[in-house]
C-alpha atoms as a PDB file:
ATOM      1  CA  MET A   1     123.502 173.969 146.560  1.00  0.00           C
ATOM      2  CA  SER A   2     126.023 172.360 144.183  1.00  0.00           C
ATOM      3  CA  LEU A   3     129.718 172.859 144.877  1.00  0.00           C
ATOM      4  CA  LEU A   4     132.287 173.910 142.282  1.00  0.00           C
ATOM      5  CA  LYS A   5     134.112 170.620 142.719  1.00  0.00           C
ATOM      6  CA  ASP A   6     130.957 168.859 141.534  1.00  0.00           C
ATOM      7  CA  LEU A   7     131.727 170.003 138.007  1.00  0.00           C
ATOM      8  CA  TYR A   8     133.583 166.690 138.064  1.00  0.00           C
ATOM      9  CA  SER A   9     130.379 164.674 138.150  1.00  0.00           C
ATOM     10  CA  PRO A  10     129.405 161.203 136.919  1.00  0.00           C
ATOM     11  CA  ALA A  11     127.712 162.841 133.913  1.00  0.00           C
ATOM     12  CA  PHE A  12     130.896 164.736 133.045  1.00  0.00           C
ATOM     13  CA  TYR A  13     133.161 161.702 133.280  1.00  0.00           C
ATOM     14  CA  ASN A  14     130.703 159.551 131.364  1.00  0.00           C
ATOM     15  CA  GLY A  15     130.600 162.049 128.499  1.00  0.00           C
ATOM     16  CA  PHE A  16     134.353 162.607 128.519  1.00  0.00           C
ATOM     17  CA  ALA A  17     134.995 158.855 128.525  1.00  0.00           C
ATOM     18  CA  ASP A  18     132.762 158.506 125.460  1.00  0.00           C
ATOM     19  CA  VAL A  19     134.957 161.032 123.661  1.00  0.00           C
ATOM     20  CA  LEU A  20     138.115 159.195 124.754  1.00  0.00           C
ATOM     21  CA  ALA A  21     136.646 155.974 123.359  1.00  0.00           C
ATOM     22  CA  GLN A  22     136.445 157.672 119.953  1.00  0.00           C
ATOM     23  CA  THR A  23     140.060 158.838 119.969  1.00  0.00           C
ATOM     24  CA  LEU A  24     142.188 156.416 121.999  1.00  0.00           C
ATOM     25  CA  PRO A  25     142.948 152.955 120.600  1.00  0.00           C
ATOM     26  CA  ALA A  26     141.677 150.114 122.811  1.00  0.00           C
ATOM     27  CA  PHE A  27     140.339 152.571 125.410  1.00  0.00           C
ATOM     28  CA  ASN A  28     138.561 150.854 128.311  1.00  0.00           C
ATOM     29  CA  LYS A  29     135.775 153.155 129.537  1.00  0.00           C
ATOM     30  CA  ARG A  30     134.884 150.975 132.503  1.00  0.00           C
ATOM     31  CA  ALA A  31     138.505 150.918 133.729  1.00  0.00           C
ATOM     32  CA  PHE A  32     138.752 154.707 133.304  1.00  0.00           C
ATOM     33  CA  ILE A  33     135.634 155.376 135.387  1.00  0.00           C
ATOM     34  CA  LYS A  34     136.812 152.923 138.035  1.00  0.00           C
ATOM     35  CA  ARG A  35     140.173 154.700 138.351  1.00  0.00           C
ATOM     36  CA  ILE A  36     138.471 158.071 138.622  1.00  0.00           C
ATOM     37  CA  TYR A  37     136.185 156.978 141.437  1.00  0.00           C
ATOM     38  CA  GLN A  38     138.782 155.936 143.971  1.00  0.00           C
ATOM     39  CA  PRO A  39     137.484 155.616 147.589  1.00  0.00           C
ATOM     40  CA  ASP A  40     138.705 159.117 148.490  1.00  0.00           C
ATOM     41  CA  PHE A  41     137.221 160.862 145.440  1.00  0.00           C
ATOM     42  CA  GLU A  42     134.294 162.450 147.303  1.00  0.00           C
ATOM     43  CA  ALA A  43     136.654 164.043 149.822  1.00  0.00           C
ATOM     44  CA  LYS A  44     138.721 165.717 147.101  1.00  0.00           C
ATOM     45  CA  GLU A  45     138.284 169.437 146.480  1.00  0.00           C
ATOM     46  CA  LEU A  46     138.171 171.039 143.020  1.00  0.00           C
ATOM     47  CA  LYS A  47     141.925 171.291 142.437  1.00  0.00           C
ATOM     48  CA  GLU A  48     142.509 167.813 143.840  1.00  0.00           C
ATOM     49  CA  ARG A  49     139.893 166.372 141.502  1.00  0.00           C
ATOM     50  CA  MET A  50     141.474 168.207 138.588  1.00  0.00           C
ATOM     51  CA  LYS A  51     144.962 166.845 139.431  1.00  0.00           C
ATOM     52  CA  HIS A  52     143.495 163.374 139.948  1.00  0.00           C
ATOM     53  CA  THR A  53     141.872 163.514 136.502  1.00  0.00           C
ATOM     54  CA  THR A  54     145.219 164.542 135.002  1.00  0.00           C
ATOM     55  CA  ALA A  55     146.920 161.545 136.597  1.00  0.00           C
ATOM     56  CA  VAL A  56     144.234 159.079 135.507  1.00  0.00           C
ATOM     57  CA  LEU A  57     144.279 160.402 131.945  1.00  0.00           C
ATOM     58  CA  HIS A  58     148.053 159.948 131.936  1.00  0.00           C
ATOM     59  CA  THR A  59     147.670 156.214 132.531  1.00  0.00           C
ATOM     60  CA  PHE A  60     145.494 155.916 129.398  1.00  0.00           C
ATOM     61  CA  LEU A  61     147.744 157.978 127.109  1.00  0.00           C
ATOM     62  CA  PRO A  62     151.045 156.806 125.569  1.00  0.00           C
ATOM     63  CA  ALA A  63     154.136 157.043 127.768  1.00  0.00           C
ATOM     64  CA  ASP A  64     155.790 158.915 124.889  1.00  0.00           C
ATOM     65  CA  TYR A  65     154.911 162.551 125.667  1.00  0.00           C
ATOM     66  CA  GLU A  66     154.975 163.739 122.062  1.00  0.00           C
ATOM     67  CA  LYS A  67     152.518 161.029 121.052  1.00  0.00           C
ATOM     68  CA  ALA A  68     150.363 161.873 124.072  1.00  0.00           C
ATOM     69  CA  VAL A  69     150.036 165.572 123.203  1.00  0.00           C
ATOM     70  CA  THR A  70     149.171 164.679 119.602  1.00  0.00           C
ATOM     71  CA  LEU A  71     146.310 162.612 120.996  1.00  0.00           C
ATOM     72  CA  ILE A  72     145.264 165.480 123.280  1.00  0.00           C
ATOM     73  CA  ASP A  73     144.788 167.601 120.149  1.00  0.00           C
ATOM     74  CA  GLN A  74     142.608 164.851 118.703  1.00  0.00           C
ATOM     75  CA  ILE A  75     140.642 164.626 121.970  1.00  0.00           C
ATOM     76  CA  ILE A  76     139.962 168.374 121.824  1.00  0.00           C
ATOM     77  CA  GLN A  77     138.727 168.129 118.241  1.00  0.00           C
ATOM     78  CA  ALA A  78     136.437 165.258 119.265  1.00  0.00           C
ATOM     79  CA  LEU A  79     135.155 167.289 122.229  1.00  0.00           C
ATOM     80  CA  LYS A  80     134.292 170.159 119.911  1.00  0.00           C
ATOM     81  CA  LYS A  81     132.456 167.818 117.547  1.00  0.00           C
ATOM     82  CA  ALA A  82     130.523 166.450 120.524  1.00  0.00           C
ATOM     83  CA  GLY A  83     129.374 169.974 121.367  1.00  0.00           C
ATOM     84  CA  TYR A  84     131.737 170.749 124.250  1.00  0.00           C
ATOM     85  CA  GLY A  85     133.033 174.295 124.556  1.00  0.00           C
ATOM     86  CA  GLU A  86     135.588 175.942 126.836  1.00  0.00           C
ATOM     87  CA  ALA A  87     134.663 175.034 130.409  1.00  0.00           C
ATOM     88  CA  LEU A  88     136.516 175.095 133.716  1.00  0.00           C
ATOM     89  CA  GLU A  89     136.398 171.314 134.162  1.00  0.00           C
ATOM     90  CA  PHE A  90     138.725 170.838 131.177  1.00  0.00           C
ATOM     91  CA  ILE A  91     141.555 172.648 132.977  1.00  0.00           C
ATOM     92  CA  PHE A  92     143.180 169.230 133.483  1.00  0.00           C
ATOM     93  CA  LEU A  93     144.225 169.296 129.802  1.00  0.00           C
ATOM     94  CA  PRO A  94     146.630 172.263 130.295  1.00  0.00           C
ATOM     95  CA  ASP A  95     147.607 170.722 133.648  1.00  0.00           C
ATOM     96  CA  TYR A  96     148.726 167.610 131.754  1.00  0.00           C
ATOM     97  CA  LEU A  97     151.225 169.759 129.817  1.00  0.00           C
ATOM     98  CA  ALA A  98     152.549 171.420 132.969  1.00  0.00           C
ATOM     99  CA  THR A  99     152.795 168.116 134.866  1.00  0.00           C
ATOM    100  CA  TYR A 100     154.401 165.905 132.233  1.00  0.00           C
ATOM    101  CA  GLY A 101     155.858 168.258 129.631  1.00  0.00           C
ATOM    102  CA  LEU A 102     158.532 170.344 131.355  1.00  0.00           C
ATOM    103  CA  GLU A 103     161.353 168.242 129.896  1.00  0.00           C
ATOM    104  CA  HIS A 104     159.870 168.509 126.393  1.00  0.00           C
ATOM    105  CA  TYR A 105     160.099 172.210 125.594  1.00  0.00           C
ATOM    106  CA  THR A 106     159.456 172.181 121.843  1.00  0.00           C
ATOM    107  CA  ALA A 107     156.523 169.749 121.981  1.00  0.00           C
ATOM    108  CA  SER A 108     155.022 171.572 124.961  1.00  0.00           C
ATOM    109  CA  VAL A 109     155.229 175.016 123.353  1.00  0.00           C
ATOM    110  CA  LYS A 110     153.339 173.664 120.344  1.00  0.00           C
ATOM    111  CA  ALA A 111     150.799 171.986 122.642  1.00  0.00           C
ATOM    112  CA  LEU A 112     150.284 175.091 124.809  1.00  0.00           C
ATOM    113  CA  GLU A 113     149.601 177.148 121.687  1.00  0.00           C
ATOM    114  CA  SER A 114     147.048 174.606 120.502  1.00  0.00           C
ATOM    115  CA  VAL A 115     145.328 173.688 123.778  1.00  0.00           C
ATOM    116  CA  THR A 116     144.869 177.303 124.911  1.00  0.00           C
ATOM    117  CA  GLN A 117     142.564 177.807 121.917  1.00  0.00           C
ATOM    118  CA  PHE A 118     140.161 175.398 123.648  1.00  0.00           C
ATOM    119  CA  ILE A 119     140.870 175.921 127.357  1.00  0.00           C
ATOM    120  CA  THR A 120     143.188 178.592 128.719  1.00  0.00           C
ATOM    121  CA  CYS A 121     146.800 177.622 129.467  1.00  0.00           C
ATOM    122  CA  GLU A 122     147.536 180.700 131.604  1.00  0.00           C
ATOM    123  CA  PHE A 123     148.297 178.515 134.643  1.00  0.00           C
ATOM    124  CA  ALA A 124     150.083 175.754 132.738  1.00  0.00           C
ATOM    125  CA  VAL A 125     152.590 178.127 131.139  1.00  0.00           C
ATOM    126  CA  ARG A 126     153.932 179.326 134.511  1.00  0.00           C
ATOM    127  CA  PRO A 127     156.228 176.338 135.229  1.00  0.00           C
ATOM    128  CA  PHE A 128     157.731 176.781 131.755  1.00  0.00           C
ATOM    129  CA  LEU A 129     158.446 180.450 132.500  1.00  0.00           C
ATOM    130  CA  ILE A 130     160.259 179.457 135.676  1.00  0.00           C
ATOM    131  CA  ARG A 131     162.226 176.665 133.981  1.00  0.00           C
ATOM    132  CA  TYR A 132     163.083 178.405 130.710  1.00  0.00           C
ATOM    133  CA  GLY A 133     162.990 182.106 131.644  1.00  0.00           C
ATOM    134  CA  ASP A 134     164.006 184.387 128.775  1.00  0.00           C
ATOM    135  CA  LYS A 135     163.554 181.645 126.182  1.00  0.00           C
ATOM    136  CA  MET A 136     159.913 181.213 127.200  1.00  0.00           C
ATOM    137  CA  MET A 137     159.358 184.968 127.331  1.00  0.00           C
ATOM    138  CA  GLN A 138     160.585 185.228 123.747  1.00  0.00           C
ATOM    139  CA  GLN A 139     157.981 182.636 122.835  1.00  0.00           C
ATOM    140  CA  MET A 140     155.321 184.624 124.687  1.00  0.00           C
ATOM    141  CA  LEU A 141     156.356 187.679 122.643  1.00  0.00           C
ATOM    142  CA  LYS A 142     155.819 185.683 119.433  1.00  0.00           C
ATOM    143  CA  TRP A 143     152.403 184.598 120.698  1.00  0.00           C
ATOM    144  CA  SER A 144     151.462 188.243 121.257  1.00  0.00           C
ATOM    145  CA  VAL A 145     151.166 188.655 117.468  1.00  0.00           C
ATOM    146  CA  HIS A 146     149.425 185.303 116.862  1.00  0.00           C
ATOM    147  CA  LYS A 147     146.346 185.266 114.616  1.00  0.00           C
ATOM    148  CA  HIS A 148     144.195 183.619 117.326  1.00  0.00           C
ATOM    149  CA  ALA A 149     142.968 185.914 120.123  1.00  0.00           C
ATOM    150  CA  LYS A 150     143.188 183.189 122.784  1.00  0.00           C
ATOM    151  CA  VAL A 151     146.880 182.684 122.020  1.00  0.00           C
ATOM    152  CA  ARG A 152     147.490 186.434 122.192  1.00  0.00           C
ATOM    153  CA  ARG A 153     145.644 186.504 125.519  1.00  0.00           C
ATOM    154  CA  LEU A 154     147.893 183.700 126.798  1.00  0.00           C
ATOM    155  CA  ALA A 155     150.912 185.909 126.068  1.00  0.00           C
ATOM    156  CA  SER A 156     149.570 188.589 128.411  1.00  0.00           C
ATOM    157  CA  GLU A 157     147.634 186.593 131.003  1.00  0.00           C
ATOM    158  CA  GLY A 158     150.303 183.917 131.365  1.00  0.00           C
ATOM    159  CA  SER A 159     153.005 186.540 131.959  1.00  0.00           C
ATOM    160  CA  ARG A 160     151.149 188.444 134.677  1.00  0.00           C
ATOM    161  CA  PRO A 161     153.563 188.902 137.593  1.00  0.00           C
ATOM    162  CA  ARG A 162     150.776 188.325 140.149  1.00  0.00           C
ATOM    163  CA  LEU A 163     148.297 186.056 138.344  1.00  0.00           C
ATOM    164  CA  PRO A 164     145.720 185.052 141.019  1.00  0.00           C
ATOM    165  CA  TRP A 165     145.663 181.410 142.131  1.00  0.00           C
ATOM    166  CA  ALA A 166     148.689 180.720 139.938  1.00  0.00           C
ATOM    167  CA  MET A 167     152.295 179.720 140.546  1.00  0.00           C
ATOM    168  CA  ALA A 168     154.437 182.808 141.212  1.00  0.00           C
ATOM    169  CA  VAL A 169     157.091 183.853 138.680  1.00  0.00           C
ATOM    170  CA  PRO A 170     159.589 185.693 140.904  1.00  0.00           C
ATOM    171  CA  PHE A 171     161.774 187.109 138.118  1.00  0.00           C
ATOM    172  CA  LEU A 172     158.778 188.916 136.576  1.00  0.00           C
ATOM    173  CA  LYS A 173     157.731 190.378 139.930  1.00  0.00           C
ATOM    174  CA  LYS A 174     161.279 191.608 140.460  1.00  0.00           C
ATOM    175  CA  ASP A 175     161.700 193.011 136.947  1.00  0.00           C
ATOM    176  CA  PRO A 176     158.658 193.148 134.632  1.00  0.00           C
ATOM    177  CA  THR A 177     160.692 194.620 131.752  1.00  0.00           C
ATOM    178  CA  PRO A 178     160.379 191.436 129.611  1.00  0.00           C
ATOM    179  CA  VAL A 179     156.573 191.748 129.801  1.00  0.00           C
ATOM    180  CA  LEU A 180     156.428 195.292 128.417  1.00  0.00           C
ATOM    181  CA  PRO A 181     156.993 194.482 124.695  1.00  0.00           C
ATOM    182  CA  ILE A 182     154.132 191.979 124.920  1.00  0.00           C
ATOM    183  CA  LEU A 183     151.810 194.635 126.336  1.00  0.00           C
ATOM    184  CA  GLU A 184     152.937 197.096 123.649  1.00  0.00           C
ATOM    185  CA  ASN A 185     151.936 194.612 120.963  1.00  0.00           C
ATOM    186  CA  LEU A 186     148.525 194.066 122.558  1.00  0.00           C
ATOM    187  CA  LYS A 187     147.563 197.568 123.702  1.00  0.00           C
ATOM    188  CA  GLN A 188     145.217 198.071 120.734  1.00  0.00           C
ATOM    189  CA  ASP A 189     144.195 194.465 120.235  1.00  0.00           C
ATOM    190  CA  PRO A 190     140.773 194.013 118.597  1.00  0.00           C
ATOM    191  CA  SER A 191     139.754 191.478 121.276  1.00  0.00           C
ATOM    192  CA  GLU A 192     138.248 192.916 124.457  1.00  0.00           C
ATOM    193  CA  SER A 193     139.368 189.878 126.494  1.00  0.00           C
ATOM    194  CA  VAL A 194     142.957 190.472 125.358  1.00  0.00           C
ATOM    195  CA  ARG A 195     142.795 194.169 126.219  1.00  0.00           C
ATOM    196  CA  ARG A 196     141.349 193.353 129.648  1.00  0.00           C
ATOM    197  CA  SER A 197     144.249 190.974 130.231  1.00  0.00           C
ATOM    198  CA  VAL A 198     146.685 193.771 129.345  1.00  0.00           C
ATOM    199  CA  ALA A 199     144.970 195.991 131.931  1.00  0.00           C
ATOM    200  CA  ASN A 200     145.194 193.255 134.581  1.00  0.00           C
ATOM    201  CA  ASN A 201     148.867 192.753 133.782  1.00  0.00           C
ATOM    202  CA  LEU A 202     149.509 196.482 134.210  1.00  0.00           C
ATOM    203  CA  ASN A 203     147.647 196.434 137.517  1.00  0.00           C
ATOM    204  CA  ASP A 204     149.884 193.568 138.687  1.00  0.00           C
ATOM    205  CA  ILE A 205     153.004 195.515 137.710  1.00  0.00           C
ATOM    206  CA  ALA A 206     151.704 198.644 139.465  1.00  0.00           C
ATOM    207  CA  LYS A 207     151.711 196.848 142.816  1.00  0.00           C
ATOM    208  CA  ASP A 208     155.501 196.452 142.715  1.00  0.00           C
ATOM    209  CA  HIS A 209     156.648 199.047 140.157  1.00  0.00           C
ATOM    210  CA  PRO A 210     154.189 201.978 140.101  1.00  0.00           C
ATOM    211  CA  ALA A 211     156.569 204.265 138.228  1.00  0.00           C
ATOM    212  CA  ILE A 212     156.656 201.890 135.252  1.00  0.00           C
ATOM    213  CA  VAL A 213     152.867 201.881 134.946  1.00  0.00           C
ATOM    214  CA  ILE A 214     152.600 205.648 135.401  1.00  0.00           C
ATOM    215  CA  GLY A 215     155.120 206.004 132.563  1.00  0.00           C
ATOM    216  CA  ILE A 216     153.066 203.692 130.339  1.00  0.00           C
ATOM    217  CA  ALA A 217     149.875 205.593 131.206  1.00  0.00           C
ATOM    218  CA  THR A 218     151.518 208.816 130.055  1.00  0.00           C
ATOM    219  CA  LYS A 219     152.879 207.197 126.886  1.00  0.00           C
ATOM    220  CA  TRP A 220     149.582 205.546 125.866  1.00  0.00           C
ATOM    221  CA  LYS A 221     147.232 208.379 126.834  1.00  0.00           C
ATOM    222  CA  GLY A 222     144.916 209.387 124.010  1.00  0.00           C
ATOM    223  CA  LEU A 223     145.941 206.681 121.538  1.00  0.00           C
ATOM    224  CA  SER A 224     142.336 205.431 121.425  1.00  0.00           C
ATOM    225  CA  LYS A 225     139.341 205.111 123.726  1.00  0.00           C
ATOM    226  CA  GLU A 226     140.152 201.396 124.079  1.00  0.00           C
ATOM    227  CA  THR A 227     143.709 202.118 125.164  1.00  0.00           C
ATOM    228  CA  ASP A 228     142.493 204.785 127.592  1.00  0.00           C
ATOM    229  CA  ALA A 229     140.170 202.146 129.085  1.00  0.00           C
ATOM    230  CA  ILE A 230     143.132 199.761 129.479  1.00  0.00           C
ATOM    231  CA  ILE A 231     145.093 202.438 131.329  1.00  0.00           C
ATOM    232  CA  LYS A 232     142.182 203.272 133.626  1.00  0.00           C
ATOM    233  CA  HIS A 233     141.591 199.633 134.553  1.00  0.00           C
ATOM    234  CA  GLY A 234     145.314 198.969 134.800  1.00  0.00           C
ATOM    235  CA  CYS A 235     145.754 201.863 137.234  1.00  0.00           C
ATOM    236  CA  ARG A 236     142.875 200.893 139.525  1.00  0.00           C
ATOM    237  CA  THR A 237     145.164 199.868 142.397  1.00  0.00           C
ATOM    238  CA  LEU A 238     147.141 203.118 142.097  1.00  0.00           C
ATOM    239  CA  LEU A 239     143.883 205.078 142.158  1.00  0.00           C
ATOM    240  CA  LYS A 240     142.711 203.198 145.250  1.00  0.00           C
ATOM    241  CA  GLN A 241     146.063 203.891 146.875  1.00  0.00           C
ATOM    242  CA  GLY A 242     145.634 207.602 146.163  1.00  0.00           C
ATOM    243  CA  SER A 243     148.802 207.831 144.063  1.00  0.00           C
ATOM    244  CA  LYS A 244     149.462 211.546 143.518  1.00  0.00           C
ATOM    245  CA  GLU A 245     150.981 210.904 140.099  1.00  0.00           C
ATOM    246  CA  ILE A 246     148.025 208.949 138.734  1.00  0.00           C
ATOM    247  CA  LEU A 247     145.491 211.331 140.306  1.00  0.00           C
ATOM    248  CA  ALA A 248     147.294 214.180 138.526  1.00  0.00           C
ATOM    249  CA  HIS A 249     147.292 212.132 135.315  1.00  0.00           C
ATOM    250  CA  TYR A 250     143.481 212.130 135.440  1.00  0.00           C
ATOM    251  CA  GLY A 251     143.206 215.714 136.708  1.00  0.00           C
ATOM    252  CA  LEU A 252     141.581 214.612 139.963  1.00  0.00           C
ATOM    253  CA  LYS A 253     141.930 217.356 142.596  1.00  0.00           C
ATOM    254  CA  SER A 254     140.280 217.532 146.003  1.00  0.00           C
ATOM    255  CA  THR A 255     140.766 221.265 146.584  1.00  0.00           C
ATOM    256  CA  HIS A 256     137.440 222.420 145.125  1.00  0.00           C
ATOM    257  CA  VAL A 257     135.087 219.856 146.631  1.00  0.00           C
ATOM    258  CA  ALA A 258     133.049 220.577 149.771  1.00  0.00           C
ATOM    259  CA  PHE A 259     132.302 217.567 151.992  1.00  0.00           C
ATOM    260  CA  ARG A 260     129.701 217.699 154.760  1.00  0.00           C
ATOM    261  CA  ASP A 261     126.934 215.893 156.648  1.00  0.00           C
ATOM    262  CA  TYR A 262     128.824 212.619 156.812  1.00  0.00           C
ATOM    263  CA  LYS A 263     126.747 210.196 158.881  1.00  0.00           C
ATOM    264  CA  ILE A 264     126.855 206.536 159.804  1.00  0.00           C
ATOM    265  CA  LEU A 265     123.136 205.769 159.595  1.00  0.00           C
ATOM    266  CA  THR A 266     123.473 202.338 161.214  1.00  0.00           C
ATOM    267  CA  PRO A 267     126.067 202.713 164.005  1.00  0.00           C
ATOM    268  CA  LYS A 268     125.326 199.167 165.155  1.00  0.00           C
ATOM    269  CA  VAL A 269     125.269 196.470 162.455  1.00  0.00           C
ATOM    270  CA  ASN A 270     124.403 192.822 162.881  1.00  0.00           C
ATOM    271  CA  THR A 271     126.579 190.355 161.013  1.00  0.00           C
ATOM    272  CA  GLY A 272     124.609 189.401 157.918  1.00  0.00           C
ATOM    273  CA  ASP A 273     123.063 192.873 157.563  1.00  0.00           C
ATOM    274  CA  SER A 274     124.374 196.017 155.859  1.00  0.00           C
ATOM    275  CA  LEU A 275     126.041 199.173 157.100  1.00  0.00           C
ATOM    276  CA  GLU A 276     124.406 202.330 155.743  1.00  0.00           C
ATOM    277  CA  PHE A 277     126.047 205.752 155.518  1.00  0.00           C
ATOM    278  CA  SER A 278     125.493 209.074 153.767  1.00  0.00           C
ATOM    279  CA  PHE A 279     127.309 212.306 152.952  1.00  0.00           C
ATOM    280  CA  THR A 280     126.952 215.390 150.771  1.00  0.00           C
ATOM    281  CA  ILE A 281     129.482 216.821 148.320  1.00  0.00           C
ATOM    282  CA  ARG A 282     129.459 220.012 146.269  1.00  0.00           C
ATOM    283  CA  ASN A 283     131.661 221.112 143.406  1.00  0.00           C
ATOM    284  CA  THR A 284     132.865 224.529 144.610  1.00  0.00           C
ATOM    285  CA  ASP A 285     134.875 225.190 141.436  1.00  0.00           C
ATOM    286  CA  THR A 286     133.695 227.734 138.876  1.00  0.00           C
ATOM    287  CA  GLN A 287     133.779 225.069 136.195  1.00  0.00           C
ATOM    288  CA  ALA A 288     132.799 221.439 135.806  1.00  0.00           C
ATOM    289  CA  GLN A 289     135.172 218.850 137.202  1.00  0.00           C
ATOM    290  CA  THR A 290     135.480 215.091 137.524  1.00  0.00           C
ATOM    291  CA  ILE A 291     135.020 213.774 141.063  1.00  0.00           C
ATOM    292  CA  ARG A 292     135.991 210.242 142.041  1.00  0.00           C
ATOM    293  CA  LEU A 293     134.204 208.977 145.148  1.00  0.00           C
ATOM    294  CA  GLU A 294     135.368 205.973 147.151  1.00  0.00           C
ATOM    295  CA  TYR A 295     135.106 204.731 150.704  1.00  0.00           C
ATOM    296  CA  ALA A 296     137.432 202.711 152.887  1.00  0.00           C
ATOM    297  CA  VAL A 297     136.281 200.104 155.361  1.00  0.00           C
ATOM    298  CA  TYR A 298     138.733 199.423 158.173  1.00  0.00           C
ATOM    299  CA  TYR A 299     137.848 195.853 159.104  1.00  0.00           C
ATOM    300  CA  LEU A 300     138.636 194.752 162.651  1.00  0.00           C
ATOM    301  CA  LYS A 301     141.013 191.785 162.583  1.00  0.00           C
ATOM    302  CA  GLN A 302     141.257 188.966 165.123  1.00  0.00           C
ATOM    303  CA  ASN A 303     144.386 190.512 166.667  1.00  0.00           C
ATOM    304  CA  GLY A 304     142.651 193.848 167.257  1.00  0.00           C
ATOM    305  CA  THR A 305     144.293 195.760 164.379  1.00  0.00           C
ATOM    306  CA  LEU A 306     142.418 197.220 161.418  1.00  0.00           C
ATOM    307  CA  SER A 307     142.684 196.156 157.773  1.00  0.00           C
ATOM    308  CA  LYS A 308     141.791 198.730 155.100  1.00  0.00           C
ATOM    309  CA  LYS A 309     139.865 197.893 151.920  1.00  0.00           C
ATOM    310  CA  VAL A 310     138.793 200.559 149.418  1.00  0.00           C
ATOM    311  CA  PHE A 311     135.541 200.432 147.427  1.00  0.00           C
ATOM    312  CA  LYS A 312     134.621 202.673 144.502  1.00  0.00           C
ATOM    313  CA  ILE A 313     131.327 204.585 144.535  1.00  0.00           C
ATOM    314  CA  SER A 314     131.489 206.559 141.293  1.00  0.00           C
ATOM    315  CA  GLU A 315     133.591 208.757 139.037  1.00  0.00           C
ATOM    316  CA  LYS A 316     131.727 211.365 137.010  1.00  0.00           C
ATOM    317  CA  THR A 317     131.612 214.999 135.999  1.00  0.00           C
ATOM    318  CA  TYR A 318     129.862 217.532 138.254  1.00  0.00           C
ATOM    319  CA  ALA A 319     128.758 220.948 137.003  1.00  0.00           C
ATOM    320  CA  ALA A 320     130.000 224.096 138.741  1.00  0.00           C
ATOM    321  CA  GLY A 321     128.161 224.428 142.045  1.00  0.00           C
ATOM    322  CA  GLU A 322     126.464 221.033 141.694  1.00  0.00           C
ATOM    323  CA  GLN A 323     125.605 219.334 144.998  1.00  0.00           C
ATOM    324  CA  VAL A 324     124.610 215.725 145.622  1.00  0.00           C
ATOM    325  CA  THR A 325     123.835 213.582 148.635  1.00  0.00           C
ATOM    326  CA  VAL A 326     125.163 210.047 148.461  1.00  0.00           C
ATOM    327  CA  ILE A 327     123.580 207.168 150.392  1.00  0.00           C
ATOM    328  CA  ARG A 328     125.453 203.886 150.322  1.00  0.00           C
ATOM    329  CA  LYS A 329     125.257 200.410 151.844  1.00  0.00           C
ATOM    330  CA  GLN A 330     128.081 198.005 152.637  1.00  0.00           C
ATOM    331  CA  SER A 331     127.139 194.371 153.136  1.00  0.00           C
ATOM    332  CA  PHE A 332     128.331 192.283 156.051  1.00  0.00           C
ATOM    333  CA  ARG A 333     126.746 189.139 154.679  1.00  0.00           C
ATOM    334  CA  LEU A 334     128.834 186.105 155.558  1.00  0.00           C
ATOM    335  CA  ILE A 335     131.171 185.102 152.717  1.00  0.00           C
ATOM    336  CA  THR A 336     133.889 182.477 152.370  1.00  0.00           C
ATOM    337  CA  THR A 337     136.657 184.964 151.488  1.00  0.00           C
ATOM    338  CA  ARG A 338     136.447 187.120 154.624  1.00  0.00           C
ATOM    339  CA  VAL A 339     135.877 186.530 158.335  1.00  0.00           C
ATOM    340  CA  PHE A 340     134.028 189.307 160.164  1.00  0.00           C
ATOM    341  CA  TYR A 341     134.982 189.959 163.785  1.00  0.00           C
ATOM    342  CA  PRO A 342     132.569 191.742 166.135  1.00  0.00           C
ATOM    343  CA  GLY A 343     133.661 195.051 167.597  1.00  0.00           C
ATOM    344  CA  LYS A 344     134.520 198.567 166.437  1.00  0.00           C
ATOM    345  CA  HIS A 345     135.253 199.032 162.734  1.00  0.00           C
ATOM    346  CA  GLN A 346     135.809 202.287 160.859  1.00  0.00           C
ATOM    347  CA  LEU A 347     134.644 203.809 157.589  1.00  0.00           C
ATOM    348  CA  SER A 348     135.973 206.851 155.740  1.00  0.00           C
ATOM    349  CA  VAL A 349     135.033 208.643 152.510  1.00  0.00           C
ATOM    350  CA  ILE A 350     137.690 209.330 149.863  1.00  0.00           C
ATOM    351  CA  ILE A 351     137.280 212.243 147.433  1.00  0.00           C
ATOM    352  CA  ASN A 352     139.689 212.384 144.483  1.00  0.00           C
ATOM    353  CA  GLY A 353     142.226 210.432 146.514  1.00  0.00           C
ATOM    354  CA  ALA A 354     141.917 212.580 149.651  1.00  0.00           C
ATOM    355  CA  GLU A 355     140.678 210.560 152.620  1.00  0.00           C
ATOM    356  CA  GLN A 356     138.274 212.295 155.003  1.00  0.00           C
ATOM    357  CA  PRO A 357     138.214 211.626 158.781  1.00  0.00           C
ATOM    358  CA  ALA A 358     136.828 208.174 159.578  1.00  0.00           C
ATOM    359  CA  LYS A 359     133.857 207.339 161.754  1.00  0.00           C
ATOM    360  CA  TYR A 360     133.332 204.256 163.925  1.00  0.00           C
ATOM    361  CA  PHE A 361     130.561 201.684 163.729  1.00  0.00           C
ATOM    362  CA  GLU A 362     130.075 198.523 165.721  1.00  0.00           C
ATOM    363  CA  LEU A 363     129.616 195.101 164.215  1.00  0.00           C
ATOM    364  CA  ILE A 364     127.547 192.822 166.431  1.00  0.00           C
END
């Protein structure tokens, strides 16, 4: 099985070096490959290989940063002509801007706008936000009305308060107010990827400032089906948390839903297998209603405490008196992002935000 870090392969570097030979005066391909394949290269993980590629490229570009970023634009054009599209391995190009361009604001802003149209600069823009604060946010606001969708997406994705795997921007976590005009500009963007970024930004904000997002949900409700979809995706954490305000916003009530026959069908589960459970619900209202079904797994931690994670089953309309039996599986296949500890875990069913009594199962 190939590893993600192996995106940086001999074939990749050979092809990239051929492109550099077309764009950089007196480029020495052999010397470039030799510098890439230092003795410790194989031990480097993905991010380390990316940073290493940034550093090696730097030694082959002019020391003058403004000249270097002009050449990066030419490299990107040559890559496109050679048939290369946006791909994760090219993330070292934005990293070059973040690593060497912080002291060159004007040149870097121009470069970020250009490079992100080839490979996203959502991570590279973060150090500039920290260094330049409001000035950079004003630039992000300008980008939110850019003609190119990838630049508009950078305005939203780059300003996410909790962008995964990215450098934190503490002032946006503390006060996301500067982000809101950007999201307003993009809430009806024609690009689905931009709208999804707006939803993810809202979801980030909701984790620290739920009232702000609930206010936006109320303000945007009904503007269009696309905007309603943004709100729903942007409120997913609030829905999982059972926020009364957002449940009310969607008219989700648990008072007219009967819940019975809840069973853990596999009370003992081997690591690598799946837990299976079932339950029955019935809409006891005299009219149709939307019912959101979720379940919470309380994973046993190493220290003996339990850690809750909520999973969505469905959200749909049930006719008056309609009854269904739900059978569901939850995998305990070994994964790199979670360690499973043997012992007693718990599982509960959540109906329109109301959590039902949990039952135990044992992981072996």
